[in-house]
Amino acid sequence: PSGSGKTTLMDLVARFIEPESGRILVDGRDLRDLTFDSWTEHFAMVNQEPFLFHTTLEENVRYGKQNASQEELEEAARAANILDFIEGLPAGWKTDVAEGGSRLSGGQRQRLTIARAVLHGGELLLLDEATSELDARSQQLISQAVEKLGANRTVVIVAHRLSTIQHADKIIVLEGGKVADEGTHEQLISRNGSYAKFLGIETAKTISQD
């Protein structure tokens, strides 16, 4: 639910804020023992509001790795399910997205920022409410992209929509800033706790909208 601490947890992992007590360990090492720059080399982050520069599609993706080859650009775009869209445009990669990416849909902007994150590299991808404002088709494309990305890196997803995370290896339910439950989708449903309740509400809303 809103206010449960999801974004705070993500900010702690990214080291935008430091823990007031306790520790965050990565491979048994306290994050505070690392420099901020050395830690940011290991992850890429995509927020709910994708940030795009007023320039071309190529430059927006290349921001993740300035010296990337064309092949690397295309591989990142393919992983984010945005390559076919780019190559179908008259100007292709040279298409200017305009101020704030206003020439693109919400789903296209989000997938473009995911491609940038993929190009950046690193073992960890952080997605903070990356699909919350998207239509069902855009959400599906991004979910498919995330599934592919999870094959060779750790993906941490913060989500309101439970359909976004049902196939995750581990789901952690937060309530009031604390871990209320954790497990796979099937395990959490079988316990009939908060997760099952949230899923029932979400399903009812989807049915009523349809």
N, C-alpha and C. Protein backbone atom coordinates (compact mmCIF):
# COMPACT_ATOMS: atom_id res chain seq x y z
N PRO A 1 0.82 -1.21 0.00
CA PRO A 1 0.00 0.00 0.00
C PRO A 1 0.86 1.27 0.00
N SER A 2 0.24 2.41 -0.34
CA SER A 2 0.95 3.68 -0.30
C SER A 2 1.44 3.97 1.11
N GLY A 3 2.65 4.54 1.21
CA GLY A 3 3.19 4.88 2.52
C GLY A 3 3.79 3.73 3.29
N SER A 4 3.97 2.58 2.66
CA SER A 4 4.50 1.41 3.37
C SER A 4 6.02 1.41 3.45
N GLY A 5 6.66 2.29 2.67
CA GLY A 5 8.12 2.38 2.71
C GLY A 5 8.82 1.83 1.49
N LYS A 6 8.09 1.60 0.40
CA LYS A 6 8.68 1.00 -0.80
C LYS A 6 9.77 1.90 -1.41
N THR A 7 9.43 3.15 -1.64
CA THR A 7 10.40 4.05 -2.26
C THR A 7 11.56 4.36 -1.31
N THR A 8 11.29 4.45 -0.03
CA THR A 8 12.36 4.65 0.96
C THR A 8 13.35 3.50 0.90
N LEU A 9 12.83 2.29 0.81
CA LEU A 9 13.70 1.11 0.72
C LEU A 9 14.55 1.18 -0.54
N MET A 10 13.94 1.56 -1.65
CA MET A 10 14.69 1.67 -2.91
C MET A 10 15.77 2.75 -2.80
N ASP A 11 15.45 3.87 -2.18
CA ASP A 11 16.43 4.95 -2.01
C ASP A 11 17.59 4.52 -1.12
N LEU A 12 17.30 3.65 -0.14
CA LEU A 12 18.35 3.12 0.71
C LEU A 12 19.30 2.22 -0.08
N VAL A 13 18.72 1.37 -0.93
CA VAL A 13 19.54 0.48 -1.75
C VAL A 13 20.41 1.29 -2.71
N ALA A 14 19.85 2.37 -3.27
CA ALA A 14 20.59 3.21 -4.21
C ALA A 14 21.57 4.15 -3.50
N ARG A 15 21.46 4.24 -2.18
CA ARG A 15 22.29 5.11 -1.33
C ARG A 15 22.00 6.59 -1.55
N PHE A 16 20.75 6.89 -1.94
CA PHE A 16 20.33 8.28 -1.97
C PHE A 16 20.14 8.79 -0.54
N ILE A 17 19.85 7.86 0.36
CA ILE A 17 19.79 8.15 1.79
C ILE A 17 20.52 7.03 2.52
N GLU A 18 20.99 7.32 3.72
CA GLU A 18 21.70 6.32 4.52
C GLU A 18 20.80 5.84 5.66
N PRO A 19 20.93 4.59 6.08
CA PRO A 19 20.11 4.08 7.19
C PRO A 19 20.45 4.77 8.50
N GLU A 20 19.42 5.09 9.28
CA GLU A 20 19.65 5.70 10.59
C GLU A 20 20.05 4.65 11.62
N SER A 21 19.69 3.41 11.36
CA SER A 21 20.11 2.30 12.21
C SER A 21 20.17 1.06 11.33
N GLY A 22 20.88 0.06 11.81
CA GLY A 22 21.00 -1.16 11.02
C GLY A 22 21.98 -0.98 9.86
N ARG A 23 22.02 -2.00 8.99
CA ARG A 23 22.97 -1.98 7.86
C ARG A 23 22.30 -2.53 6.61
N ILE A 24 22.84 -2.15 5.47
CA ILE A 24 22.48 -2.76 4.19
C ILE A 24 23.72 -3.47 3.69
N LEU A 25 23.61 -4.78 3.54
CA LEU A 25 24.75 -5.59 3.13
C LEU A 25 24.59 -6.07 1.70
N VAL A 26 25.67 -6.02 0.95
CA VAL A 26 25.72 -6.59 -0.40
C VAL A 26 26.90 -7.56 -0.42
N ASP A 27 26.61 -8.84 -0.64
CA ASP A 27 27.63 -9.88 -0.55
C ASP A 27 28.36 -9.80 0.79
N GLY A 28 27.61 -9.50 1.85
CA GLY A 28 28.17 -9.47 3.19
C GLY A 28 28.92 -8.20 3.54
N ARG A 29 28.92 -7.22 2.63
CA ARG A 29 29.69 -5.99 2.87
C ARG A 29 28.75 -4.81 3.06
N ASP A 30 29.01 -4.01 4.08
CA ASP A 30 28.19 -2.83 4.37
C ASP A 30 28.37 -1.82 3.24
N LEU A 31 27.23 -1.35 2.69
CA LEU A 31 27.29 -0.39 1.59
C LEU A 31 28.07 0.87 1.97
N ARG A 32 28.05 1.23 3.25
CA ARG A 32 28.73 2.45 3.66
C ARG A 32 30.25 2.31 3.61
N ASP A 33 30.74 1.08 3.41
CA ASP A 33 32.18 0.88 3.25
C ASP A 33 32.62 1.17 1.82
N LEU A 34 31.65 1.34 0.91
CA LEU A 34 31.96 1.61 -0.49
C LEU A 34 31.80 3.11 -0.76
N THR A 35 32.55 3.61 -1.73
CA THR A 35 32.31 4.99 -2.17
C THR A 35 31.02 5.01 -2.98
N PHE A 36 30.36 6.15 -3.00
CA PHE A 36 29.10 6.26 -3.74
C PHE A 36 29.32 5.97 -5.22
N ASP A 37 30.40 6.52 -5.78
CA ASP A 37 30.67 6.33 -7.21
C ASP A 37 30.92 4.86 -7.55
N SER A 38 31.64 4.16 -6.69
CA SER A 38 31.92 2.75 -6.98
C SER A 38 30.64 1.92 -6.91
N TRP A 39 29.70 2.30 -6.00
CA TRP A 39 28.45 1.57 -5.89
C TRP A 39 27.55 1.83 -7.10
N THR A 40 27.48 3.08 -7.56
CA THR A 40 26.59 3.40 -8.69
C THR A 40 27.03 2.71 -9.98
N GLU A 41 28.28 2.29 -10.06
CA GLU A 41 28.73 1.54 -11.23
C GLU A 41 28.04 0.18 -11.33
N HIS A 42 27.52 -0.30 -10.21
CA HIS A 42 26.96 -1.65 -10.16
C HIS A 42 25.46 -1.69 -10.41
N PHE A 43 24.79 -0.55 -10.49
CA PHE A 43 23.34 -0.59 -10.70
C PHE A 43 22.88 0.52 -11.65
N ALA A 44 21.70 0.29 -12.22
CA ALA A 44 21.00 1.30 -13.00
C ALA A 44 19.59 1.41 -12.43
N MET A 45 18.99 2.59 -12.52
CA MET A 45 17.70 2.81 -11.88
C MET A 45 16.73 3.47 -12.85
N VAL A 46 15.48 3.03 -12.83
CA VAL A 46 14.41 3.62 -13.63
C VAL A 46 13.29 4.01 -12.69
N ASN A 47 12.92 5.29 -12.70
CA ASN A 47 11.88 5.79 -11.81
C ASN A 47 10.52 5.82 -12.50
N GLN A 48 9.50 6.18 -11.72
CA GLN A 48 8.14 6.28 -12.24
C GLN A 48 8.03 7.33 -13.34
N GLU A 49 8.75 8.45 -13.16
CA GLU A 49 8.74 9.52 -14.16
C GLU A 49 10.03 9.45 -14.97
N PRO A 50 9.99 8.89 -16.18
CA PRO A 50 11.21 8.76 -16.98
C PRO A 50 11.74 10.12 -17.41
N PHE A 51 13.05 10.32 -17.27
CA PHE A 51 13.66 11.59 -17.66
C PHE A 51 14.34 11.43 -19.02
N LEU A 52 13.91 12.25 -19.98
CA LEU A 52 14.51 12.23 -21.30
C LEU A 52 15.01 13.62 -21.67
N PHE A 53 16.13 13.66 -22.38
CA PHE A 53 16.69 14.92 -22.85
C PHE A 53 16.04 15.33 -24.16
N HIS A 54 16.05 16.63 -24.43
CA HIS A 54 15.50 17.15 -25.69
C HIS A 54 16.54 16.93 -26.79
N THR A 55 16.63 15.69 -27.21
CA THR A 55 17.58 15.31 -28.26
C THR A 55 17.08 14.03 -28.92
N THR A 56 17.94 13.33 -29.62
CA THR A 56 17.51 12.15 -30.38
C THR A 56 17.34 10.92 -29.49
N LEU A 57 16.65 9.94 -30.05
CA LEU A 57 16.52 8.66 -29.36
C LEU A 57 17.89 8.06 -29.07
N GLU A 58 18.79 8.15 -30.04
CA GLU A 58 20.13 7.60 -29.88
C GLU A 58 20.86 8.24 -28.70
N GLU A 59 20.84 9.57 -28.63
CA GLU A 59 21.56 10.25 -27.57
C GLU A 59 20.95 9.97 -26.20
N ASN A 60 19.64 9.80 -26.16
CA ASN A 60 18.99 9.50 -24.89
C ASN A 60 19.39 8.13 -24.36
N VAL A 61 19.49 7.15 -25.24
CA VAL A 61 19.92 5.83 -24.81
C VAL A 61 21.42 5.82 -24.55
N ARG A 62 22.18 6.49 -25.39
CA ARG A 62 23.64 6.50 -25.28
C ARG A 62 24.12 7.16 -23.98
N TYR A 63 23.25 7.95 -23.34
CA TYR A 63 23.62 8.57 -22.07
C TYR A 63 24.01 7.51 -21.04
N GLY A 64 23.51 6.30 -21.21
CA GLY A 64 23.87 5.21 -20.31
C GLY A 64 25.29 4.73 -20.50
N LYS A 65 25.85 4.93 -21.70
CA LYS A 65 27.23 4.53 -22.00
C LYS A 65 27.67 5.28 -23.24
N GLN A 66 28.41 6.34 -23.03
CA GLN A 66 28.72 7.28 -24.11
C GLN A 66 29.46 6.64 -25.28
N ASN A 67 30.31 5.68 -25.01
CA ASN A 67 31.12 5.09 -26.08
C ASN A 67 30.52 3.80 -26.64
N ALA A 68 29.23 3.60 -26.44
CA ALA A 68 28.58 2.37 -26.90
C ALA A 68 28.58 2.28 -28.43
N SER A 69 28.74 1.08 -28.93
CA SER A 69 28.65 0.84 -30.37
C SER A 69 27.19 0.79 -30.80
N GLN A 70 26.95 0.86 -32.10
CA GLN A 70 25.59 0.77 -32.60
C GLN A 70 24.97 -0.58 -32.24
N GLU A 71 25.79 -1.62 -32.27
CA GLU A 71 25.30 -2.95 -31.91
C GLU A 71 24.85 -3.00 -30.45
N GLU A 72 25.62 -2.35 -29.57
CA GLU A 72 25.25 -2.31 -28.15
C GLU A 72 23.96 -1.53 -27.95
N LEU A 73 23.80 -0.43 -28.69
CA LEU A 73 22.56 0.35 -28.62
C LEU A 73 21.37 -0.51 -29.00
N GLU A 74 21.51 -1.24 -30.10
CA GLU A 74 20.42 -2.07 -30.59
C GLU A 74 20.11 -3.22 -29.63
N GLU A 75 21.14 -3.80 -29.03
CA GLU A 75 20.92 -4.88 -28.07
C GLU A 75 20.16 -4.38 -26.85
N ALA A 76 20.52 -3.18 -26.38
CA ALA A 76 19.83 -2.62 -25.21
C ALA A 76 18.37 -2.30 -25.55
N ALA A 77 18.14 -1.75 -26.74
CA ALA A 77 16.78 -1.42 -27.16
C ALA A 77 15.95 -2.68 -27.36
N ARG A 78 16.58 -3.72 -27.87
CA ARG A 78 15.87 -5.00 -28.05
C ARG A 78 15.48 -5.58 -26.70
N ALA A 79 16.39 -5.50 -25.73
CA ALA A 79 16.10 -6.02 -24.39
C ALA A 79 14.95 -5.28 -23.74
N ALA A 80 14.79 -3.99 -24.08
CA ALA A 80 13.73 -3.17 -23.49
C ALA A 80 12.46 -3.16 -24.34
N ASN A 81 12.40 -4.00 -25.37
CA ASN A 81 11.22 -4.09 -26.26
C ASN A 81 10.89 -2.75 -26.92
N ILE A 82 11.93 -2.00 -27.33
CA ILE A 82 11.69 -0.71 -27.98
C ILE A 82 12.38 -0.63 -29.35
N LEU A 83 13.17 -1.64 -29.73
CA LEU A 83 13.93 -1.58 -30.97
C LEU A 83 13.03 -1.53 -32.19
N ASP A 84 12.00 -2.35 -32.26
CA ASP A 84 11.11 -2.36 -33.43
C ASP A 84 10.45 -1.00 -33.62
N PHE A 85 10.06 -0.37 -32.52
CA PHE A 85 9.45 0.96 -32.61
C PHE A 85 10.44 1.97 -33.19
N ILE A 86 11.68 1.95 -32.69
CA ILE A 86 12.68 2.91 -33.16
C ILE A 86 12.97 2.72 -34.63
N GLU A 87 13.19 1.48 -35.03
CA GLU A 87 13.54 1.20 -36.43
C GLU A 87 12.37 1.43 -37.38
N GLY A 88 11.16 1.50 -36.85
CA GLY A 88 9.99 1.76 -37.69
C GLY A 88 9.73 3.23 -37.93
N LEU A 89 10.46 4.11 -37.25
CA LEU A 89 10.29 5.55 -37.44
C LEU A 89 11.04 6.02 -38.68
N PRO A 90 10.52 7.04 -39.39
CA PRO A 90 11.19 7.53 -40.60
C PRO A 90 12.65 7.92 -40.36
N ALA A 91 12.91 8.58 -39.23
CA ALA A 91 14.29 9.00 -38.92
C ALA A 91 15.00 8.03 -38.00
N GLY A 92 14.33 6.97 -37.62
CA GLY A 92 14.96 5.95 -36.78
C GLY A 92 15.59 6.51 -35.52
N TRP A 93 16.82 6.11 -35.28
CA TRP A 93 17.55 6.52 -34.07
C TRP A 93 17.76 8.03 -34.00
N LYS A 94 17.68 8.72 -35.12
CA LYS A 94 17.92 10.16 -35.16
C LYS A 94 16.66 10.97 -34.86
N THR A 95 15.57 10.31 -34.53
CA THR A 95 14.33 11.00 -34.19
C THR A 95 14.50 11.80 -32.91
N ASP A 96 14.12 13.09 -32.97
CA ASP A 96 14.18 13.95 -31.79
C ASP A 96 12.92 13.71 -30.95
N VAL A 97 13.11 13.46 -29.66
CA VAL A 97 11.97 13.13 -28.80
C VAL A 97 11.23 14.36 -28.30
N ALA A 98 11.79 15.56 -28.53
CA ALA A 98 11.23 16.84 -28.09
C ALA A 98 11.38 16.99 -26.57
N GLU A 99 10.90 18.11 -26.06
CA GLU A 99 11.07 18.42 -24.64
C GLU A 99 10.40 17.38 -23.75
N GLY A 100 11.20 16.77 -22.87
CA GLY A 100 10.66 15.78 -21.95
C GLY A 100 10.16 14.51 -22.61
N GLY A 101 10.53 14.31 -23.89
CA GLY A 101 10.06 13.12 -24.61
C GLY A 101 8.60 13.20 -24.99
N SER A 102 8.11 14.42 -25.21
CA SER A 102 6.67 14.63 -25.45
C SER A 102 6.17 14.00 -26.74
N ARG A 103 7.06 13.64 -27.65
CA ARG A 103 6.64 12.99 -28.89
C ARG A 103 6.43 11.49 -28.71
N LEU A 104 6.70 10.99 -27.51
CA LEU A 104 6.55 9.56 -27.24
C LEU A 104 5.43 9.33 -26.25
N SER A 105 4.87 8.12 -26.27
CA SER A 105 3.87 7.75 -25.29
C SER A 105 4.56 7.44 -23.97
N GLY A 106 3.77 7.31 -22.90
CA GLY A 106 4.33 6.98 -21.60
C GLY A 106 5.10 5.67 -21.63
N GLY A 107 4.54 4.67 -22.29
CA GLY A 107 5.19 3.37 -22.37
C GLY A 107 6.48 3.42 -23.17
N GLN A 108 6.48 4.20 -24.25
CA GLN A 108 7.69 4.34 -25.06
C GLN A 108 8.79 5.06 -24.29
N ARG A 109 8.42 6.09 -23.55
CA ARG A 109 9.42 6.81 -22.73
C ARG A 109 10.01 5.87 -21.68
N GLN A 110 9.15 5.09 -21.06
CA GLN A 110 9.63 4.20 -20.01
C GLN A 110 10.54 3.12 -20.57
N ARG A 111 10.19 2.56 -21.70
CA ARG A 111 11.03 1.53 -22.31
C ARG A 111 12.36 2.10 -22.78
N LEU A 112 12.34 3.37 -23.21
CA LEU A 112 13.59 4.02 -23.62
C LEU A 112 14.53 4.19 -22.43
N THR A 113 13.97 4.57 -21.28
CA THR A 113 14.83 4.72 -20.10
C THR A 113 15.32 3.36 -19.60
N ILE A 114 14.54 2.31 -19.81
CA ILE A 114 15.00 0.96 -19.46
C ILE A 114 16.16 0.56 -20.38
N ALA A 115 16.05 0.90 -21.67
CA ALA A 115 17.15 0.62 -22.61
C ALA A 115 18.41 1.35 -22.17
N ARG A 116 18.27 2.59 -21.73
CA ARG A 116 19.42 3.35 -21.22
C ARG A 116 20.04 2.65 -20.02
N ALA A 117 19.18 2.16 -19.12
CA ALA A 117 19.67 1.47 -17.93
C ALA A 117 20.39 0.18 -18.30
N VAL A 118 19.84 -0.55 -19.26
CA VAL A 118 20.47 -1.79 -19.72
C VAL A 118 21.84 -1.50 -20.31
N LEU A 119 21.93 -0.44 -21.11
CA LEU A 119 23.20 -0.07 -21.73
C LEU A 119 24.23 0.32 -20.67
N HIS A 120 23.76 0.96 -19.62
CA HIS A 120 24.66 1.35 -18.52
C HIS A 120 25.35 0.12 -17.92
N GLY A 121 24.62 -0.98 -17.88
CA GLY A 121 25.19 -2.22 -17.37
C GLY A 121 25.07 -2.31 -15.86
N GLY A 122 25.84 -3.21 -15.28
CA GLY A 122 25.77 -3.44 -13.84
C GLY A 122 24.95 -4.67 -13.53
N GLU A 123 25.19 -5.20 -12.34
CA GLU A 123 24.54 -6.45 -11.94
C GLU A 123 23.15 -6.24 -11.36
N LEU A 124 22.78 -4.98 -11.13
CA LEU A 124 21.54 -4.69 -10.42
C LEU A 124 20.72 -3.65 -11.19
N LEU A 125 19.44 -3.93 -11.39
CA LEU A 125 18.52 -3.00 -12.03
C LEU A 125 17.40 -2.68 -11.05
N LEU A 126 17.21 -1.40 -10.74
CA LEU A 126 16.19 -0.96 -9.80
C LEU A 126 15.05 -0.28 -10.56
N LEU A 127 13.85 -0.79 -10.42
CA LEU A 127 12.66 -0.23 -11.08
C LEU A 127 11.69 0.24 -10.01
N ASP A 128 11.54 1.56 -9.89
CA ASP A 128 10.69 2.13 -8.85
C ASP A 128 9.37 2.60 -9.46
N GLU A 129 8.32 1.79 -9.34
CA GLU A 129 7.00 2.11 -9.89
C GLU A 129 7.07 2.40 -11.39
N ALA A 130 7.88 1.65 -12.10
CA ALA A 130 8.14 1.95 -13.51
C ALA A 130 6.95 1.70 -14.42
N THR A 131 5.92 1.00 -13.96
CA THR A 131 4.77 0.71 -14.83
C THR A 131 3.45 1.23 -14.27
N SER A 132 3.50 2.02 -13.21
CA SER A 132 2.27 2.36 -12.49
C SER A 132 1.30 3.22 -13.30
N GLU A 133 1.82 4.04 -14.22
CA GLU A 133 0.95 4.94 -14.96
C GLU A 133 0.71 4.49 -16.40
N LEU A 134 1.05 3.25 -16.73
CA LEU A 134 0.99 2.81 -18.11
C LEU A 134 -0.27 2.01 -18.40
N ASP A 135 -0.65 1.98 -19.68
CA ASP A 135 -1.77 1.16 -20.08
C ASP A 135 -1.35 -0.30 -20.07
N ALA A 136 -2.33 -1.19 -20.21
CA ALA A 136 -2.08 -2.62 -20.05
C ALA A 136 -1.07 -3.14 -21.07
N ARG A 137 -1.15 -2.66 -22.33
CA ARG A 137 -0.23 -3.13 -23.37
C ARG A 137 1.20 -2.69 -23.08
N SER A 138 1.38 -1.43 -22.69
CA SER A 138 2.73 -0.93 -22.37
C SER A 138 3.30 -1.67 -21.17
N GLN A 139 2.44 -1.91 -20.18
CA GLN A 139 2.89 -2.64 -19.00
C GLN A 139 3.34 -4.04 -19.37
N GLN A 140 2.60 -4.67 -20.28
CA GLN A 140 2.95 -6.03 -20.71
C GLN A 140 4.31 -6.05 -21.39
N LEU A 141 4.57 -5.07 -22.27
CA LEU A 141 5.84 -5.01 -22.98
C LEU A 141 7.00 -4.81 -22.01
N ILE A 142 6.79 -3.94 -21.02
CA ILE A 142 7.85 -3.70 -20.04
C ILE A 142 8.06 -4.93 -19.17
N SER A 143 6.98 -5.58 -18.79
CA SER A 143 7.10 -6.79 -17.97
C SER A 143 7.87 -7.88 -18.71
N GLN A 144 7.61 -8.00 -20.01
CA GLN A 144 8.34 -8.96 -20.82
C GLN A 144 9.82 -8.61 -20.87
N ALA A 145 10.12 -7.31 -21.00
CA ALA A 145 11.50 -6.86 -21.03
C ALA A 145 12.19 -7.17 -19.71
N VAL A 146 11.50 -6.92 -18.60
CA VAL A 146 12.08 -7.17 -17.28
C VAL A 146 12.37 -8.66 -17.09
N GLU A 147 11.47 -9.51 -17.58
CA GLU A 147 11.70 -10.96 -17.46
C GLU A 147 12.98 -11.36 -18.18
N LYS A 148 13.20 -10.79 -19.37
CA LYS A 148 14.42 -11.11 -20.12
C LYS A 148 15.65 -10.60 -19.39
N LEU A 149 15.54 -9.41 -18.82
CA LEU A 149 16.68 -8.81 -18.13
C LEU A 149 17.06 -9.60 -16.88
N GLY A 150 16.08 -10.23 -16.25
CA GLY A 150 16.33 -10.96 -15.03
C GLY A 150 17.15 -12.22 -15.22
N ALA A 151 17.39 -12.58 -16.48
CA ALA A 151 18.16 -13.80 -16.75
C ALA A 151 19.63 -13.65 -16.38
N ASN A 152 20.17 -12.43 -16.41
CA ASN A 152 21.60 -12.26 -16.14
C ASN A 152 21.90 -11.12 -15.17
N ARG A 153 20.88 -10.66 -14.45
CA ARG A 153 21.13 -9.64 -13.42
C ARG A 153 20.02 -9.72 -12.38
N THR A 154 20.26 -9.08 -11.25
CA THR A 154 19.23 -8.99 -10.22
C THR A 154 18.36 -7.78 -10.50
N VAL A 155 17.05 -7.98 -10.52
CA VAL A 155 16.11 -6.89 -10.76
C VAL A 155 15.26 -6.70 -9.50
N VAL A 156 15.26 -5.48 -8.96
CA VAL A 156 14.44 -5.15 -7.81
C VAL A 156 13.32 -4.23 -8.29
N ILE A 157 12.08 -4.65 -8.09
CA ILE A 157 10.92 -3.92 -8.61
C ILE A 157 10.05 -3.45 -7.46
N VAL A 158 9.75 -2.16 -7.45
CA VAL A 158 8.73 -1.63 -6.54
C VAL A 158 7.46 -1.45 -7.36
N ALA A 159 6.35 -1.99 -6.88
CA ALA A 159 5.13 -1.96 -7.68
C ALA A 159 3.88 -1.91 -6.81
N HIS A 160 2.88 -1.16 -7.29
CA HIS A 160 1.53 -1.22 -6.74
C HIS A 160 0.77 -2.35 -7.44
N ARG A 161 0.92 -2.41 -8.76
CA ARG A 161 0.22 -3.43 -9.53
C ARG A 161 0.88 -4.79 -9.30
N LEU A 162 0.14 -5.69 -8.69
CA LEU A 162 0.72 -6.98 -8.37
C LEU A 162 0.95 -7.83 -9.62
N SER A 163 0.22 -7.54 -10.69
CA SER A 163 0.43 -8.29 -11.93
C SER A 163 1.84 -8.07 -12.47
N THR A 164 2.47 -6.97 -12.08
CA THR A 164 3.82 -6.65 -12.54
C THR A 164 4.85 -7.60 -11.93
N ILE A 165 4.56 -8.15 -10.75
CA ILE A 165 5.57 -8.88 -10.00
C ILE A 165 5.22 -10.35 -9.74
N GLN A 166 4.14 -10.83 -10.31
CA GLN A 166 3.67 -12.18 -9.98
C GLN A 166 4.69 -13.27 -10.32
N HIS A 167 5.56 -13.01 -11.29
CA HIS A 167 6.52 -14.03 -11.71
C HIS A 167 7.89 -13.84 -11.05
N ALA A 168 7.97 -12.94 -10.08
CA ALA A 168 9.25 -12.70 -9.39
C ALA A 168 9.67 -13.93 -8.58
N ASP A 169 10.98 -14.10 -8.42
CA ASP A 169 11.50 -15.21 -7.61
C ASP A 169 11.14 -15.03 -6.14
N LYS A 170 11.10 -13.78 -5.68
CA LYS A 170 10.70 -13.49 -4.31
C LYS A 170 9.91 -12.20 -4.28
N ILE A 171 8.78 -12.22 -3.58
CA ILE A 171 7.95 -11.03 -3.40
C ILE A 171 7.97 -10.66 -1.92
N ILE A 172 8.27 -9.41 -1.63
CA ILE A 172 8.30 -8.93 -0.25
C ILE A 172 7.16 -7.94 -0.06
N VAL A 173 6.29 -8.21 0.89
CA VAL A 173 5.14 -7.35 1.18
C VAL A 173 5.50 -6.40 2.31
N LEU A 174 5.38 -5.09 2.04
CA LEU A 174 5.68 -4.08 3.06
C LEU A 174 4.39 -3.46 3.58
N GLU A 175 4.33 -3.29 4.87
CA GLU A 175 3.22 -2.58 5.51
C GLU A 175 3.77 -1.77 6.68
N GLY A 176 3.47 -0.49 6.70
CA GLY A 176 3.90 0.35 7.81
C GLY A 176 5.40 0.38 8.00
N GLY A 177 6.15 0.30 6.90
CA GLY A 177 7.60 0.36 6.98
C GLY A 177 8.27 -0.94 7.41
N LYS A 178 7.51 -2.02 7.50
CA LYS A 178 8.07 -3.29 7.93
C LYS A 178 7.70 -4.40 6.93
N VAL A 179 8.49 -5.45 6.94
CA VAL A 179 8.20 -6.61 6.09
C VAL A 179 7.06 -7.40 6.72
N ALA A 180 5.93 -7.46 6.01
CA ALA A 180 4.76 -8.18 6.52
C ALA A 180 4.76 -9.64 6.08
N ASP A 181 5.35 -9.92 4.92
CA ASP A 181 5.38 -11.29 4.42
C ASP A 181 6.35 -11.36 3.25
N GLU A 182 6.78 -12.56 2.91
CA GLU A 182 7.62 -12.74 1.73
C GLU A 182 7.51 -14.16 1.23
N GLY A 183 7.70 -14.32 -0.07
CA GLY A 183 7.60 -15.63 -0.68
C GLY A 183 7.29 -15.49 -2.16
N THR A 184 6.99 -16.59 -2.82
CA THR A 184 6.56 -16.55 -4.21
C THR A 184 5.08 -16.16 -4.26
N HIS A 185 4.59 -15.88 -5.46
CA HIS A 185 3.18 -15.54 -5.65
C HIS A 185 2.29 -16.64 -5.08
N GLU A 186 2.61 -17.90 -5.42
CA GLU A 186 1.78 -19.02 -4.98
C GLU A 186 1.80 -19.17 -3.46
N GLN A 187 2.98 -19.01 -2.86
CA GLN A 187 3.09 -19.13 -1.40
C GLN A 187 2.28 -18.06 -0.69
N LEU A 188 2.36 -16.83 -1.20
CA LEU A 188 1.65 -15.72 -0.56
C LEU A 188 0.15 -15.86 -0.71
N ILE A 189 -0.31 -16.35 -1.85
CA ILE A 189 -1.74 -16.57 -2.05
C ILE A 189 -2.26 -17.64 -1.08
N SER A 190 -1.46 -18.69 -0.91
CA SER A 190 -1.90 -19.80 -0.05
C SER A 190 -2.03 -19.37 1.41
N ARG A 191 -1.28 -18.34 1.82
CA ARG A 191 -1.35 -17.89 3.22
C ARG A 191 -2.57 -16.99 3.47
N ASN A 192 -3.15 -16.51 2.37
CA ASN A 192 -4.38 -15.70 2.46
C ASN A 192 -4.21 -14.48 3.38
N GLY A 193 -3.03 -13.85 3.29
CA GLY A 193 -2.74 -12.66 4.09
C GLY A 193 -2.93 -11.37 3.31
N SER A 194 -2.10 -10.38 3.60
CA SER A 194 -2.22 -9.06 2.98
C SER A 194 -2.10 -9.13 1.47
N TYR A 195 -1.16 -9.93 0.98
CA TYR A 195 -0.93 -10.02 -0.47
C TYR A 195 -2.19 -10.52 -1.18
N ALA A 196 -2.79 -11.58 -0.65
CA ALA A 196 -4.01 -12.12 -1.25
C ALA A 196 -5.13 -11.09 -1.22
N LYS A 197 -5.21 -10.32 -0.14
CA LYS A 197 -6.23 -9.28 -0.03
C LYS A 197 -6.00 -8.19 -1.09
N PHE A 198 -4.75 -7.74 -1.24
CA PHE A 198 -4.44 -6.72 -2.24
C PHE A 198 -4.75 -7.22 -3.64
N LEU A 199 -4.41 -8.48 -3.90
CA LEU A 199 -4.65 -9.05 -5.23
C LEU A 199 -6.14 -9.11 -5.51
N GLY A 200 -6.94 -9.47 -4.52
CA GLY A 200 -8.39 -9.51 -4.70
C GLY A 200 -8.96 -8.15 -5.02
N ILE A 201 -8.47 -7.11 -4.36
CA ILE A 201 -8.94 -5.74 -4.64
C ILE A 201 -8.55 -5.33 -6.04
N GLU A 202 -7.30 -5.64 -6.43
CA GLU A 202 -6.82 -5.27 -7.76
C GLU A 202 -7.63 -5.99 -8.84
N THR A 203 -7.91 -7.27 -8.64
CA THR A 203 -8.68 -8.04 -9.62
C THR A 203 -10.10 -7.49 -9.75
N ALA A 204 -10.71 -7.14 -8.62
CA ALA A 204 -12.06 -6.58 -8.64
C ALA A 204 -12.10 -5.26 -9.41
N LYS A 205 -11.06 -4.42 -9.23
CA LYS A 205 -11.00 -3.15 -9.94
C LYS A 205 -10.88 -3.37 -11.44
N THR A 206 -10.03 -4.36 -11.82
CA THR A 206 -9.83 -4.66 -13.24
C THR A 206 -11.13 -5.13 -13.87
N ILE A 207 -11.85 -6.01 -13.16
CA ILE A 207 -13.12 -6.53 -13.70
C ILE A 207 -14.12 -5.41 -13.85
N SER A 208 -14.21 -4.51 -12.87
CA SER A 208 -15.18 -3.40 -12.93
C SER A 208 -14.83 -2.44 -14.06
N GLN A 209 -13.53 -2.24 -14.32
CA GLN A 209 -13.13 -1.34 -15.40
C GLN A 209 -13.43 -1.95 -16.75
N ASP A 210 -13.25 -3.28 -16.86
CA ASP A 210 -13.56 -3.96 -18.12
C ASP A 210 -15.05 -3.97 -18.39
